[in-house]
Amino acid sequence: MSELAPDEAARLAARAGLPLDAARHTSVAAVANHIHSVVSVLRDLEFGDTAPASTYRVEEDVRVAG
């Protein structure tokens, strides 16, 4: 996917019901592009036999010092 341009970020935000002031288009696009780059890295990770998070159970005997 190519980087999101400021005008496209504004159009998508408006479509989602979140109209943006023109001064915010560039910063919103930059944040969206950063988030996309992080998610892309996470998608490339190999989890192999890692169980889904829904199978995790906290031990009842665990105590937090306080």
C-alpha atoms as a PDB file:
ATOM      1  CA  MET A   1       0.000   0.000   0.000  1.00  0.00           C
ATOM      2  CA  SER A   2       1.319   3.436  -0.845  1.00  0.00           C
ATOM      3  CA  GLU A   3       1.527   6.190   1.725  1.00  0.00           C
ATOM      4  CA  LEU A   4      -1.638   8.048   2.583  1.00  0.00           C
ATOM      5  CA  ALA A   5      -1.619  11.605   1.224  1.00  0.00           C
ATOM      6  CA  PRO A   6      -2.963  14.446   3.369  1.00  0.00           C
ATOM      7  CA  ASP A   7      -5.954  15.036   1.083  1.00  0.00           C
ATOM      8  CA  GLU A   8      -6.816  11.333   1.157  1.00  0.00           C
ATOM      9  CA  ALA A   9      -6.573  11.291   4.969  1.00  0.00           C
ATOM     10  CA  ALA A  10      -9.007  14.223   5.062  1.00  0.00           C
ATOM     11  CA  ARG A  11     -11.400  12.491   2.669  1.00  0.00           C
ATOM     12  CA  LEU A  12     -11.369   9.233   4.671  1.00  0.00           C
ATOM     13  CA  ALA A  13     -11.803  11.075   7.962  1.00  0.00           C
ATOM     14  CA  ALA A  14     -14.784  12.992   6.579  1.00  0.00           C
ATOM     15  CA  ARG A  15     -16.276   9.750   5.288  1.00  0.00           C
ATOM     16  CA  ALA A  16     -15.994   8.337   8.815  1.00  0.00           C
ATOM     17  CA  GLY A  17     -17.781  11.386  10.195  1.00  0.00           C
ATOM     18  CA  LEU A  18     -14.621  13.048  11.512  1.00  0.00           C
ATOM     19  CA  PRO A  19     -14.097  16.201   9.467  1.00  0.00           C
ATOM     20  CA  LEU A  20     -10.616  17.692   9.882  1.00  0.00           C
ATOM     21  CA  ASP A  21      -9.418  21.281   9.782  1.00  0.00           C
ATOM     22  CA  ALA A  22      -7.091  21.794   6.823  1.00  0.00           C
ATOM     23  CA  ALA A  23      -4.188  22.441   9.216  1.00  0.00           C
ATOM     24  CA  ARG A  24      -4.451  18.847  10.531  1.00  0.00           C
ATOM     25  CA  HIS A  25      -4.454  16.959   7.206  1.00  0.00           C
ATOM     26  CA  THR A  26      -0.683  16.549   7.034  1.00  0.00           C
ATOM     27  CA  SER A  27      -0.219  15.471  10.660  1.00  0.00           C
ATOM     28  CA  VAL A  28      -3.120  13.000  10.527  1.00  0.00           C
ATOM     29  CA  ALA A  29      -1.701  11.468   7.341  1.00  0.00           C
ATOM     30  CA  ALA A  30       1.737  11.174   8.967  1.00  0.00           C
ATOM     31  CA  VAL A  31       0.326   9.417  12.034  1.00  0.00           C
ATOM     32  CA  ALA A  32      -1.754   7.067   9.882  1.00  0.00           C
ATOM     33  CA  ASN A  33       1.320   6.212   7.799  1.00  0.00           C
ATOM     34  CA  HIS A  34       3.346   5.515  10.938  1.00  0.00           C
ATOM     35  CA  ILE A  35       0.653   3.234  12.351  1.00  0.00           C
ATOM     36  CA  HIS A  36       0.487   1.397   9.031  1.00  0.00           C
ATOM     37  CA  SER A  37       4.267   0.852   9.044  1.00  0.00           C
ATOM     38  CA  VAL A  38       4.149  -0.597  12.580  1.00  0.00           C
ATOM     39  CA  VAL A  39       1.230  -2.897  11.765  1.00  0.00           C
ATOM     40  CA  SER A  40       3.044  -4.071   8.624  1.00  0.00           C
ATOM     41  CA  VAL A  41       6.001  -5.184  10.748  1.00  0.00           C
ATOM     42  CA  LEU A  42       3.686  -7.032  13.133  1.00  0.00           C
ATOM     43  CA  ARG A  43       2.007  -8.821  10.230  1.00  0.00           C
ATOM     44  CA  ASP A  44       5.395 -10.187   9.152  1.00  0.00           C
ATOM     45  CA  LEU A  45       6.123 -11.836  12.513  1.00  0.00           C
ATOM     46  CA  GLU A  46       6.023 -15.622  12.623  1.00  0.00           C
ATOM     47  CA  PHE A  47       4.112 -16.842  15.645  1.00  0.00           C
ATOM     48  CA  GLY A  48       4.324 -20.566  14.841  1.00  0.00           C
ATOM     49  CA  ASP A  49       2.764 -22.535  17.676  1.00  0.00           C
ATOM     50  CA  THR A  50       1.907 -19.507  19.818  1.00  0.00           C
ATOM     51  CA  ALA A  51      -1.542 -19.956  21.297  1.00  0.00           C
ATOM     52  CA  PRO A  52      -4.134 -17.197  20.865  1.00  0.00           C
ATOM     53  CA  ALA A  53      -4.348 -14.656  23.690  1.00  0.00           C
ATOM     54  CA  SER A  54      -7.841 -15.908  24.532  1.00  0.00           C
ATOM     55  CA  THR A  55      -6.315 -19.129  25.889  1.00  0.00           C
ATOM     56  CA  TYR A  56      -4.139 -17.301  28.468  1.00  0.00           C
ATOM     57  CA  ARG A  57      -5.182 -17.761  32.097  1.00  0.00           C
ATOM     58  CA  VAL A  58      -3.734 -15.789  34.997  1.00  0.00           C
ATOM     59  CA  GLU A  59      -2.579 -17.865  37.941  1.00  0.00           C
ATOM     60  CA  GLU A  60      -4.700 -17.168  41.000  1.00  0.00           C
ATOM     61  CA  ASP A  61      -1.718 -17.373  43.403  1.00  0.00           C
ATOM     62  CA  VAL A  62       0.203 -14.514  41.800  1.00  0.00           C
ATOM     63  CA  ARG A  63       0.540 -11.561  44.168  1.00  0.00           C
ATOM     64  CA  VAL A  64       1.805  -8.091  43.417  1.00  0.00           C
ATOM     65  CA  ALA A  65       4.052  -6.494  46.038  1.00  0.00           C
ATOM     66  CA  GLY A  66       2.742  -3.166  47.144  1.00  0.00           C
END
